[in-house]
C-alpha atoms as a PDB file:
ATOM      1  CA  UNK A   1      19.746   3.162   4.618  1.00  0.00           C
ATOM      2  CA  UNK A   2      16.531   1.331   3.233  1.00  0.00           C
ATOM      3  CA  UNK A   3      13.033   2.474   3.485  1.00  0.00           C
ATOM      4  CA  UNK A   4      10.079   0.224   4.118  1.00  0.00           C
ATOM      5  CA  UNK A   5       7.064   1.104   2.592  1.00  0.00           C
ATOM      6  CA  UNK A   6       3.428  -1.135   2.768  1.00  0.00           C
ATOM      7  CA  UNK A   7      -0.119  -0.492   2.227  1.00  0.00           C
ATOM      8  CA  UNK A   8      -3.140   0.491   4.130  1.00  0.00           C
ATOM      9  CA  UNK A   9      -4.109  -2.853   4.370  1.00  0.00           C
ATOM     10  CA  UNK A  10      -1.459  -3.769   6.575  1.00  0.00           C
ATOM     11  CA  UNK A  11      -2.813  -4.140  10.117  1.00  0.00           C
ATOM     12  CA  UNK A  12       0.035  -3.152  12.879  1.00  0.00           C
ATOM     13  CA  UNK A  13      -0.505  -1.095  16.117  1.00  0.00           C
ATOM     14  CA  UNK A  14       0.122   2.592  15.680  1.00  0.00           C
ATOM     15  CA  UNK A  15       3.128   2.450  18.036  1.00  0.00           C
ATOM     16  CA  UNK A  16       5.061  -0.227  15.573  1.00  0.00           C
ATOM     17  CA  UNK A  17       4.275   1.623  12.588  1.00  0.00           C
ATOM     18  CA  UNK A  18       6.005   4.666  14.440  1.00  0.00           C
ATOM     19  CA  UNK A  19       8.521   3.102  15.860  1.00  0.00           C
ATOM     20  CA  UNK A  20      10.216   1.890  12.822  1.00  0.00           C
ATOM     21  CA  UNK A  21       9.070   4.604  10.517  1.00  0.00           C
ATOM     22  CA  UNK A  22       6.904   2.447   8.243  1.00  0.00           C
ATOM     23  CA  UNK A  23       5.584   4.366   5.396  1.00  0.00           C
ATOM     24  CA  UNK A  24       1.791   3.707   4.282  1.00  0.00           C
ATOM     25  CA  UNK A  25       0.233   4.122   1.010  1.00  0.00           C
ATOM     26  CA  UNK A  26      -3.470   4.227   1.339  1.00  0.00           C
ATOM     27  CA  UNK A  27      -5.984   2.230  -0.802  1.00  0.00           C
ATOM     28  CA  UNK A  28      -9.246   4.164  -1.519  1.00  0.00           C
ATOM     29  CA  UNK A  29     -12.912   3.288  -0.438  1.00  0.00           C
ATOM     30  CA  UNK A  30     -15.764   4.718  -2.337  1.00  0.00           C
ATOM     31  CA  UNK A  31     -19.462   5.396  -1.298  1.00  0.00           C
ATOM     32  CA  UNK A  32     -21.371   6.541  -4.466  1.00  0.00           C
ATOM     33  CA  UNK A  33     -19.561   9.990  -5.503  1.00  0.00           C
ATOM     34  CA  UNK A  34     -17.379  10.452  -2.170  1.00  0.00           C
ATOM     35  CA  UNK A  35     -13.732   8.971  -2.034  1.00  0.00           C
ATOM     36  CA  UNK A  36     -12.058   7.958   1.306  1.00  0.00           C
ATOM     37  CA  UNK A  37      -8.414   7.314   2.099  1.00  0.00           C
ATOM     38  CA  UNK A  38      -8.195   4.091   4.131  1.00  0.00           C
ATOM     39  CA  UNK A  39      -7.436   4.556   7.578  1.00  0.00           C
ATOM     40  CA  UNK A  40      -6.864   8.532   7.016  1.00  0.00           C
ATOM     41  CA  UNK A  41     -10.224   9.988   6.076  1.00  0.00           C
ATOM     42  CA  UNK A  42     -12.753   7.438   8.209  1.00  0.00           C
ATOM     43  CA  UNK A  43     -12.543   6.285  11.513  1.00  0.00           C
ATOM     44  CA  UNK A  44     -13.744   2.639  11.526  1.00  0.00           C
ATOM     45  CA  UNK A  45     -17.066   3.107  13.459  1.00  0.00           C
ATOM     46  CA  UNK A  46     -18.008   5.932  11.419  1.00  0.00           C
ATOM     47  CA  UNK A  47     -17.481   3.906   8.471  1.00  0.00           C
ATOM     48  CA  UNK A  48     -19.580   1.013   9.859  1.00  0.00           C
ATOM     49  CA  UNK A  49     -22.557   3.419  10.480  1.00  0.00           C
ATOM     50  CA  UNK A  50     -22.178   4.534   6.697  1.00  0.00           C
ATOM     51  CA  UNK A  51     -22.145   0.854   5.286  1.00  0.00           C
ATOM     52  CA  UNK A  52     -24.981  -0.044   7.492  1.00  0.00           C
ATOM     53  CA  UNK A  53     -27.219   2.558   6.242  1.00  0.00           C
ATOM     54  CA  UNK A  54     -25.907   2.971   2.497  1.00  0.00           C
ATOM     55  CA  UNK A  55     -28.395   1.841  -0.249  1.00  0.00           C
ATOM     56  CA  UNK A  56     -25.383   0.474  -1.965  1.00  0.00           C
ATOM     57  CA  UNK A  57     -22.171  -1.392  -0.770  1.00  0.00           C
ATOM     58  CA  UNK A  58     -18.944   0.926  -1.054  1.00  0.00           C
ATOM     59  CA  UNK A  59     -16.330  -0.224  -3.543  1.00  0.00           C
ATOM     60  CA  UNK A  60     -12.663   0.134  -2.917  1.00  0.00           C
ATOM     61  CA  UNK A  61      -9.611   0.700  -5.451  1.00  0.00           C
ATOM     62  CA  UNK A  62      -5.913   0.156  -5.512  1.00  0.00           C
ATOM     63  CA  UNK A  63      -3.685   3.356  -5.147  1.00  0.00           C
ATOM     64  CA  UNK A  64      -3.044   5.140  -8.247  1.00  0.00           C
ATOM     65  CA  UNK A  65       0.612   4.478  -9.848  1.00  0.00           C
ATOM     66  CA  UNK A  66       1.212   8.286  -9.200  1.00  0.00           C
ATOM     67  CA  UNK A  67       0.633   7.780  -5.598  1.00  0.00           C
ATOM     68  CA  UNK A  68       3.480   5.215  -5.151  1.00  0.00           C
ATOM     69  CA  UNK A  69       5.704   7.159  -7.579  1.00  0.00           C
ATOM     70  CA  UNK A  70       5.267  10.314  -5.121  1.00  0.00           C
ATOM     71  CA  UNK A  71       5.860   8.216  -2.135  1.00  0.00           C
ATOM     72  CA  UNK A  72       9.103   6.513  -3.471  1.00  0.00           C
ATOM     73  CA  UNK A  73      10.734   9.718  -5.253  1.00  0.00           C
ATOM     74  CA  UNK A  74      10.128  11.167  -1.391  1.00  0.00           C
ATOM     75  CA  UNK A  75      11.944   8.688  -0.009  1.00  0.00           C
ATOM     76  CA  UNK A  76      14.455   8.569  -2.404  1.00  0.00           C
ATOM     77  CA  UNK A  77      15.890  11.931  -1.154  1.00  0.00           C
ATOM     78  CA  UNK A  78      16.578  10.434   2.294  1.00  0.00           C
ATOM     79  CA  UNK A  79      17.070   6.596   1.766  1.00  0.00           C
ATOM     80  CA  UNK A  80      19.273   4.498  -0.694  1.00  0.00           C
ATOM     81  CA  UNK A  81      16.844   1.635  -1.046  1.00  0.00           C
ATOM     82  CA  UNK A  82      13.203   0.671  -0.797  1.00  0.00           C
ATOM     83  CA  UNK A  83      11.574  -2.450   0.170  1.00  0.00           C
ATOM     84  CA  UNK A  84       7.836  -2.038  -0.626  1.00  0.00           C
ATOM     85  CA  UNK A  85       5.814  -4.931   0.828  1.00  0.00           C
ATOM     86  CA  UNK A  86       1.920  -5.627  -0.209  1.00  0.00           C
ATOM     87  CA  UNK A  87      -1.557  -7.240  -0.261  1.00  0.00           C
ATOM     88  CA  UNK A  88      -1.709 -10.281  -1.910  1.00  0.00           C
ATOM     89  CA  UNK A  89      -1.852 -10.010  -5.707  1.00  0.00           C
ATOM     90  CA  UNK A  90      -4.938 -12.365  -5.788  1.00  0.00           C
ATOM     91  CA  UNK A  91      -7.000 -10.081  -3.786  1.00  0.00           C
ATOM     92  CA  UNK A  92      -6.119  -6.228  -4.916  1.00  0.00           C
ATOM     93  CA  UNK A  93      -4.125  -5.173  -7.897  1.00  0.00           C
ATOM     94  CA  UNK A  94      -2.048  -2.909  -5.353  1.00  0.00           C
ATOM     95  CA  UNK A  95       1.143  -4.370  -6.069  1.00  0.00           C
ATOM     96  CA  UNK A  96       0.870  -4.090  -9.873  1.00  0.00           C
ATOM     97  CA  UNK A  97       0.438  -0.248  -9.135  1.00  0.00           C
ATOM     98  CA  UNK A  98       3.552  -0.479  -7.336  1.00  0.00           C
ATOM     99  CA  UNK A  99       5.445  -2.263  -9.619  1.00  0.00           C
ATOM    100  CA  UNK A 100       4.809   0.196 -12.483  1.00  0.00           C
ATOM    101  CA  UNK A 101       5.696   2.962 -10.042  1.00  0.00           C
ATOM    102  CA  UNK A 102       9.042   1.153  -9.104  1.00  0.00           C
ATOM    103  CA  UNK A 103       9.917   0.929 -12.964  1.00  0.00           C
ATOM    104  CA  UNK A 104       9.225   4.530 -13.225  1.00  0.00           C
ATOM    105  CA  UNK A 105      11.388   5.688 -10.475  1.00  0.00           C
ATOM    106  CA  UNK A 106      14.872   5.698 -11.517  1.00  0.00           C
ATOM    107  CA  UNK A 107      16.667   7.566  -8.486  1.00  0.00           C
ATOM    108  CA  UNK A 108      16.593   4.606  -6.070  1.00  0.00           C
ATOM    109  CA  UNK A 109      16.381   0.608  -6.242  1.00  0.00           C
ATOM    110  CA  UNK A 110      13.251  -0.776  -5.042  1.00  0.00           C
ATOM    111  CA  UNK A 111      12.058  -4.381  -4.477  1.00  0.00           C
ATOM    112  CA  UNK A 112       8.598  -5.434  -4.601  1.00  0.00           C
ATOM    113  CA  UNK A 113       7.230  -8.405  -2.388  1.00  0.00           C
ATOM    114  CA  UNK A 114       3.793  -9.803  -2.741  1.00  0.00           C
ATOM    115  CA  UNK A 115       2.945 -10.694   1.134  1.00  0.00           C
ATOM    116  CA  UNK A 116       0.232 -13.455  -0.268  1.00  0.00           C
ATOM    117  CA  UNK A 117      -1.441 -12.205   2.514  1.00  0.00           C
ATOM    118  CA  UNK A 118      -3.191  -9.126   4.270  1.00  0.00           C
ATOM    119  CA  UNK A 119      -4.406  -7.684   7.621  1.00  0.00           C
ATOM    120  CA  UNK A 120      -1.712  -8.781  10.238  1.00  0.00           C
ATOM    121  CA  UNK A 121      -0.344 -11.526   7.805  1.00  0.00           C
ATOM    122  CA  UNK A 122       0.822  -8.675   6.082  1.00  0.00           C
ATOM    123  CA  UNK A 123       1.748  -6.793   9.058  1.00  0.00           C
ATOM    124  CA  UNK A 124       4.217  -9.701  10.324  1.00  0.00           C
ATOM    125  CA  UNK A 125       6.070  -9.619   7.342  1.00  0.00           C
ATOM    126  CA  UNK A 126       6.476  -5.864   7.412  1.00  0.00           C
ATOM    127  CA  UNK A 127       7.535  -6.228  10.996  1.00  0.00           C
ATOM    128  CA  UNK A 128       9.817  -8.564  10.199  1.00  0.00           C
ATOM    129  CA  UNK A 129      11.277  -6.631   7.507  1.00  0.00           C
ATOM    130  CA  UNK A 130      11.591  -3.411   9.857  1.00  0.00           C
ATOM    131  CA  UNK A 131      13.557  -5.655  12.462  1.00  0.00           C
ATOM    132  CA  UNK A 132      15.767  -6.955   9.741  1.00  0.00           C
ATOM    133  CA  UNK A 133      16.558  -3.472   8.433  1.00  0.00           C
ATOM    134  CA  UNK A 134      17.287  -2.608  12.196  1.00  0.00           C
ATOM    135  CA  UNK A 135      19.784  -5.465  12.392  1.00  0.00           C
ATOM    136  CA  UNK A 136      21.403  -4.369   9.505  1.00  0.00           C
ATOM    137  CA  UNK A 137      20.773  -6.958   6.749  1.00  0.00           C
ATOM    138  CA  UNK A 138      20.972  -6.008   3.212  1.00  0.00           C
ATOM    139  CA  UNK A 139      17.874  -5.720   0.851  1.00  0.00           C
ATOM    140  CA  UNK A 140      18.651  -9.172  -0.919  1.00  0.00           C
ATOM    141  CA  UNK A 141      18.562 -10.759   2.272  1.00  0.00           C
ATOM    142  CA  UNK A 142      15.301  -9.161   3.602  1.00  0.00           C
ATOM    143  CA  UNK A 143      13.770 -10.060   0.237  1.00  0.00           C
ATOM    144  CA  UNK A 144      14.699 -13.882   0.172  1.00  0.00           C
ATOM    145  CA  UNK A 145      13.725 -14.110   3.754  1.00  0.00           C
ATOM    146  CA  UNK A 146      10.562 -12.708   3.547  1.00  0.00           C
ATOM    147  CA  UNK A 147       9.609 -14.718   0.164  1.00  0.00           C
ATOM    148  CA  UNK A 148      10.099 -17.990   2.446  1.00  0.00           C
ATOM    149  CA  UNK A 149       8.445 -16.388   5.538  1.00  0.00           C
ATOM    150  CA  UNK A 150       5.375 -15.880   3.781  1.00  0.00           C
ATOM    151  CA  UNK A 151       4.843 -19.551   3.347  1.00  0.00           C
ATOM    152  CA  UNK A 152       4.440 -19.787   7.005  1.00  0.00           C
ATOM    153  CA  UNK A 153       1.416 -17.424   7.210  1.00  0.00           C
ATOM    154  CA  UNK A 154      -2.254 -18.629   7.709  1.00  0.00           C
ATOM    155  CA  UNK A 155      -5.236 -16.763   8.683  1.00  0.00           C
ATOM    156  CA  UNK A 156      -8.661 -18.198   9.444  1.00  0.00           C
ATOM    157  CA  UNK A 157     -11.828 -15.794   9.632  1.00  0.00           C
ATOM    158  CA  UNK A 158     -15.530 -15.960   9.757  1.00  0.00           C
ATOM    159  CA  UNK A 159     -18.094 -13.180   8.585  1.00  0.00           C
ATOM    160  CA  UNK A 160     -21.730 -12.705   9.527  1.00  0.00           C
ATOM    161  CA  UNK A 161     -22.811 -13.195   5.720  1.00  0.00           C
ATOM    162  CA  UNK A 162     -20.825 -13.563   2.333  1.00  0.00           C
ATOM    163  CA  UNK A 163     -22.512 -10.885   0.449  1.00  0.00           C
ATOM    164  CA  UNK A 164     -19.719  -8.236   0.855  1.00  0.00           C
ATOM    165  CA  UNK A 165     -17.097 -10.744  -0.275  1.00  0.00           C
ATOM    166  CA  UNK A 166     -19.350 -11.861  -3.237  1.00  0.00           C
ATOM    167  CA  UNK A 167     -20.253  -8.297  -4.358  1.00  0.00           C
ATOM    168  CA  UNK A 168     -16.737  -7.314  -3.989  1.00  0.00           C
ATOM    169  CA  UNK A 169     -15.510 -10.372  -5.944  1.00  0.00           C
ATOM    170  CA  UNK A 170     -12.799 -11.246  -3.468  1.00  0.00           C
ATOM    171  CA  UNK A 171     -14.768 -14.594  -2.540  1.00  0.00           C
ATOM    172  CA  UNK A 172     -12.600 -16.959  -4.416  1.00  0.00           C
ATOM    173  CA  UNK A 173     -13.605 -20.474  -4.146  1.00  0.00           C
ATOM    174  CA  UNK A 174     -15.448 -19.502  -1.202  1.00  0.00           C
ATOM    175  CA  UNK A 175     -18.342 -18.845  -3.872  1.00  0.00           C
ATOM    176  CA  UNK A 176     -19.076 -23.022  -3.252  1.00  0.00           C
ATOM    177  CA  UNK A 177     -20.527 -21.650   0.237  1.00  0.00           C
ATOM    178  CA  UNK A 178     -23.095 -19.559  -1.061  1.00  0.00           C
ATOM    179  CA  UNK A 179     -26.678 -21.052  -1.498  1.00  0.00           C
ATOM    180  CA  UNK A 180     -25.641 -23.231   1.284  1.00  0.00           C
ATOM    181  CA  UNK A 181     -24.671 -20.956   4.132  1.00  0.00           C
ATOM    182  CA  UNK A 182     -28.348 -20.701   5.529  1.00  0.00           C
ATOM    183  CA  UNK A 183     -28.266 -21.180   9.406  1.00  0.00           C
ATOM    184  CA  UNK A 184     -24.364 -21.846   8.769  1.00  0.00           C
ATOM    185  CA  UNK A 185     -21.108 -19.788   9.818  1.00  0.00           C
ATOM    186  CA  UNK A 186     -18.432 -19.844   7.175  1.00  0.00           C
ATOM    187  CA  UNK A 187     -14.749 -20.141   8.269  1.00  0.00           C
ATOM    188  CA  UNK A 188     -12.472 -18.737   5.356  1.00  0.00           C
ATOM    189  CA  UNK A 189      -8.812 -19.394   5.007  1.00  0.00           C
ATOM    190  CA  UNK A 190      -6.281 -17.045   3.465  1.00  0.00           C
ATOM    191  CA  UNK A 191      -3.262 -19.163   3.133  1.00  0.00           C
ATOM    192  CA  UNK A 192       0.057 -18.413   1.495  1.00  0.00           C
ATOM    193  CA  UNK A 193      -0.069 -21.219  -0.479  1.00  0.00           C
ATOM    194  CA  UNK A 194      -2.498 -19.610  -2.811  1.00  0.00           C
ATOM    195  CA  UNK A 195      -3.031 -15.887  -1.591  1.00  0.00           C
ATOM    196  CA  UNK A 196      -6.749 -16.523  -2.088  1.00  0.00           C
ATOM    197  CA  UNK A 197      -9.890 -16.770   0.179  1.00  0.00           C
ATOM    198  CA  UNK A 198     -10.840 -20.593   0.293  1.00  0.00           C
ATOM    199  CA  UNK A 199     -13.690 -22.001   1.901  1.00  0.00           C
ATOM    200  CA  UNK A 200     -12.586 -24.233   5.207  1.00  0.00           C
ATOM    201  CA  UNK A 201     -15.687 -25.132   7.460  1.00  0.00           C
ATOM    202  CA  UNK A 202     -19.457 -24.160   7.895  1.00  0.00           C
ATOM    203  CA  UNK A 203     -20.763 -24.522  10.987  1.00  0.00           C
ATOM    204  CA  UNK A 204     -24.019 -24.016  12.898  1.00  0.00           C
ATOM    205  CA  UNK A 205     -23.620 -21.701  15.805  1.00  0.00           C
ATOM    206  CA  UNK A 206     -21.061 -19.384  16.734  1.00  0.00           C
ATOM    207  CA  UNK A 207     -19.676 -21.009  19.831  1.00  0.00           C
ATOM    208  CA  UNK A 208     -19.058 -24.414  17.751  1.00  0.00           C
ATOM    209  CA  UNK A 209     -17.455 -22.052  15.089  1.00  0.00           C
ATOM    210  CA  UNK A 210     -15.218 -20.333  17.493  1.00  0.00           C
ATOM    211  CA  UNK A 211     -14.097 -23.564  18.953  1.00  0.00           C
ATOM    212  CA  UNK A 212     -13.020 -25.143  15.412  1.00  0.00           C
ATOM    213  CA  UNK A 213     -11.319 -21.609  14.633  1.00  0.00           C
ATOM    214  CA  UNK A 214      -9.219 -22.118  17.843  1.00  0.00           C
ATOM    215  CA  UNK A 215      -8.660 -25.777  16.780  1.00  0.00           C
ATOM    216  CA  UNK A 216      -7.735 -24.754  13.376  1.00  0.00           C
ATOM    217  CA  UNK A 217      -5.216 -22.096  14.748  1.00  0.00           C
ATOM    218  CA  UNK A 218      -3.861 -24.545  16.793  1.00  0.00           C
ATOM    219  CA  UNK A 219      -3.121 -27.288  14.191  1.00  0.00           C
ATOM    220  CA  UNK A 220      -1.250 -24.462  12.104  1.00  0.00           C
ATOM    221  CA  UNK A 221       0.939 -23.468  15.008  1.00  0.00           C
ATOM    222  CA  UNK A 222       2.066 -27.352  15.437  1.00  0.00           C
ATOM    223  CA  UNK A 223       5.606 -28.231  15.271  1.00  0.00           C
ATOM    224  CA  UNK A 224       6.776 -24.969  15.681  1.00  0.00           C
ATOM    225  CA  UNK A 225       9.013 -23.589  18.422  1.00  0.00           C
ATOM    226  CA  UNK A 226       7.689 -19.750  17.981  1.00  0.00           C
ATOM    227  CA  UNK A 227       4.479 -18.650  16.739  1.00  0.00           C
ATOM    228  CA  UNK A 228       2.825 -15.341  16.327  1.00  0.00           C
ATOM    229  CA  UNK A 229      -0.773 -14.696  16.646  1.00  0.00           C
ATOM    230  CA  UNK A 230      -3.033 -11.737  15.943  1.00  0.00           C
ATOM    231  CA  UNK A 231      -6.726 -11.318  16.935  1.00  0.00           C
ATOM    232  CA  UNK A 232      -8.347  -9.241  13.911  1.00  0.00           C
ATOM    233  CA  UNK A 233     -11.792  -7.666  14.175  1.00  0.00           C
ATOM    234  CA  UNK A 234     -14.136  -5.377  12.561  1.00  0.00           C
ATOM    235  CA  UNK A 235     -17.082  -4.581  15.269  1.00  0.00           C
ATOM    236  CA  UNK A 236     -15.855  -5.557  18.817  1.00  0.00           C
ATOM    237  CA  UNK A 237     -18.659  -8.225  19.067  1.00  0.00           C
ATOM    238  CA  UNK A 238     -19.584 -10.380  21.737  1.00  0.00           C
ATOM    239  CA  UNK A 239     -18.617 -13.461  19.414  1.00  0.00           C
ATOM    240  CA  UNK A 240     -15.497 -12.198  18.950  1.00  0.00           C
ATOM    241  CA  UNK A 241     -14.750 -11.902  22.624  1.00  0.00           C
ATOM    242  CA  UNK A 242     -15.634 -15.225  22.811  1.00  0.00           C
ATOM    243  CA  UNK A 243     -13.271 -16.316  20.436  1.00  0.00           C
ATOM    244  CA  UNK A 244     -10.601 -14.701  22.324  1.00  0.00           C
ATOM    245  CA  UNK A 245     -11.490 -16.325  25.353  1.00  0.00           C
ATOM    246  CA  UNK A 246     -11.565 -19.837  23.863  1.00  0.00           C
ATOM    247  CA  UNK A 247      -8.277 -19.247  22.576  1.00  0.00           C
ATOM    248  CA  UNK A 248      -6.486 -17.949  25.400  1.00  0.00           C
ATOM    249  CA  UNK A 249      -7.873 -20.901  27.600  1.00  0.00           C
ATOM    250  CA  UNK A 250      -6.215 -23.272  24.981  1.00  0.00           C
ATOM    251  CA  UNK A 251      -3.042 -21.555  24.851  1.00  0.00           C
ATOM    252  CA  UNK A 252      -2.379 -21.466  28.336  1.00  0.00           C
ATOM    253  CA  UNK A 253      -2.566 -25.364  28.347  1.00  0.00           C
ATOM    254  CA  UNK A 254      -0.137 -25.833  25.714  1.00  0.00           C
ATOM    255  CA  UNK A 255       3.877 -25.812  26.785  1.00  0.00           C
ATOM    256  CA  UNK A 256       5.086 -26.823  23.334  1.00  0.00           C
ATOM    257  CA  UNK A 257       6.233 -23.268  21.649  1.00  0.00           C
ATOM    258  CA  UNK A 258       6.450 -19.576  22.613  1.00  0.00           C
ATOM    259  CA  UNK A 259       4.282 -17.207  21.454  1.00  0.00           C
ATOM    260  CA  UNK A 260       2.963 -13.491  20.927  1.00  0.00           C
ATOM    261  CA  UNK A 261      -0.355 -12.312  20.376  1.00  0.00           C
ATOM    262  CA  UNK A 262      -1.079  -8.999  18.631  1.00  0.00           C
ATOM    263  CA  UNK A 263      -4.533  -7.300  18.467  1.00  0.00           C
ATOM    264  CA  UNK A 264      -5.949  -5.228  15.545  1.00  0.00           C
ATOM    265  CA  UNK A 265      -8.890  -3.868  13.969  1.00  0.00           C
ATOM    266  CA  UNK A 266      -8.874  -4.253  10.171  1.00  0.00           C
ATOM    267  CA  UNK A 267      -9.335  -1.135   8.063  1.00  0.00           C
ATOM    268  CA  UNK A 268     -12.213   0.021   5.852  1.00  0.00           C
ATOM    269  CA  UNK A 269     -10.805  -1.333   2.869  1.00  0.00           C
ATOM    270  CA  UNK A 270     -11.052  -4.872   4.021  1.00  0.00           C
ATOM    271  CA  UNK A 271     -14.047  -4.182   5.909  1.00  0.00           C
ATOM    272  CA  UNK A 272     -15.725  -2.822   2.674  1.00  0.00           C
ATOM    273  CA  UNK A 273     -15.166  -6.844   1.460  1.00  0.00           C
ATOM    274  CA  UNK A 274     -15.791  -8.846   4.773  1.00  0.00           C
ATOM    275  CA  UNK A 275     -18.709  -6.767   6.404  1.00  0.00           C
ATOM    276  CA  UNK A 276     -18.309  -5.247   9.819  1.00  0.00           C
ATOM    277  CA  UNK A 277     -18.899  -8.312  11.895  1.00  0.00           C
ATOM    278  CA  UNK A 278     -15.638 -10.348  10.635  1.00  0.00           C
ATOM    279  CA  UNK A 279     -13.012 -11.288  12.935  1.00  0.00           C
ATOM    280  CA  UNK A 280     -10.450 -14.256  12.951  1.00  0.00           C
ATOM    281  CA  UNK A 281      -6.965 -15.301  13.973  1.00  0.00           C
ATOM    282  CA  UNK A 282      -3.804 -14.878  12.054  1.00  0.00           C
ATOM    283  CA  UNK A 283      -0.870 -17.179  12.383  1.00  0.00           C
ATOM    284  CA  UNK A 284       2.618 -16.939  11.591  1.00  0.00           C
ATOM    285  CA  UNK A 285       5.011 -19.585  12.651  1.00  0.00           C
ATOM    286  CA  UNK A 286       8.496 -18.036  12.556  1.00  0.00           C
ATOM    287  CA  UNK A 287      10.685 -15.663  14.653  1.00  0.00           C
ATOM    288  CA  UNK A 288       8.843 -14.033  17.695  1.00  0.00           C
ATOM    289  CA  UNK A 289       7.867 -10.540  16.839  1.00  0.00           C
ATOM    290  CA  UNK A 290       7.222  -8.636  20.071  1.00  0.00           C
ATOM    291  CA  UNK A 291       6.995  -5.115  19.935  1.00  0.00           C
END
């Protein structure tokens, strides 16, 4: 039997996590002297209120090696092998903690996978792995498939300001947008080609920003037979709802491919780096991953 482990930046509906017995190792959020486990100790709305009223922005940290060792050793009593899939190594040191823990866990074979993505991009790979485990695929085949399929992932998103990404050190090449963003909305991309956040567009006005994100998402889906989309968001804003309406209207006009759509709030760790008004679209061009 193969156990499936991921981290708390993986955004999937709770019913999927439960259905496939997906194990989650949480990252942590720090407000001054207080520490919270992502998706365990804080609800999103409570976290957003704290973030907006805090004098200093929260910081985050990867899971400790010990936390991974505890998880792996616990699973070693019930499973023969573990596949552990995590947030892009360009965005977090989480995968390094997992690798160090795997090296110190002798009782079970563990394969560590860098998703080169996060949020529901990571989630789609985890769900694909869960379905392959259910089908009886071996761990070598699952690892090989995931390393190919991650190249078919793209995320486009926008934030109300770049301050959070800048201070969190996750802005990458989007640094080029700083100082020129006044009265513009940035569209940022997380592509598996790099696993990093890169600047894509800067556009004046949210309606035009949403129209461009829809255009980019549809372009990314071209020449595919099956496409999985996911809406991701922090606060449920009017701008986010407008994006959904625009996107679904466009999807109804295209007969080219079959598609499935998920919708997920992002967790507190990712919100710490994007701010509460983040929203976007995840595109995975691969096998349809209905629940």
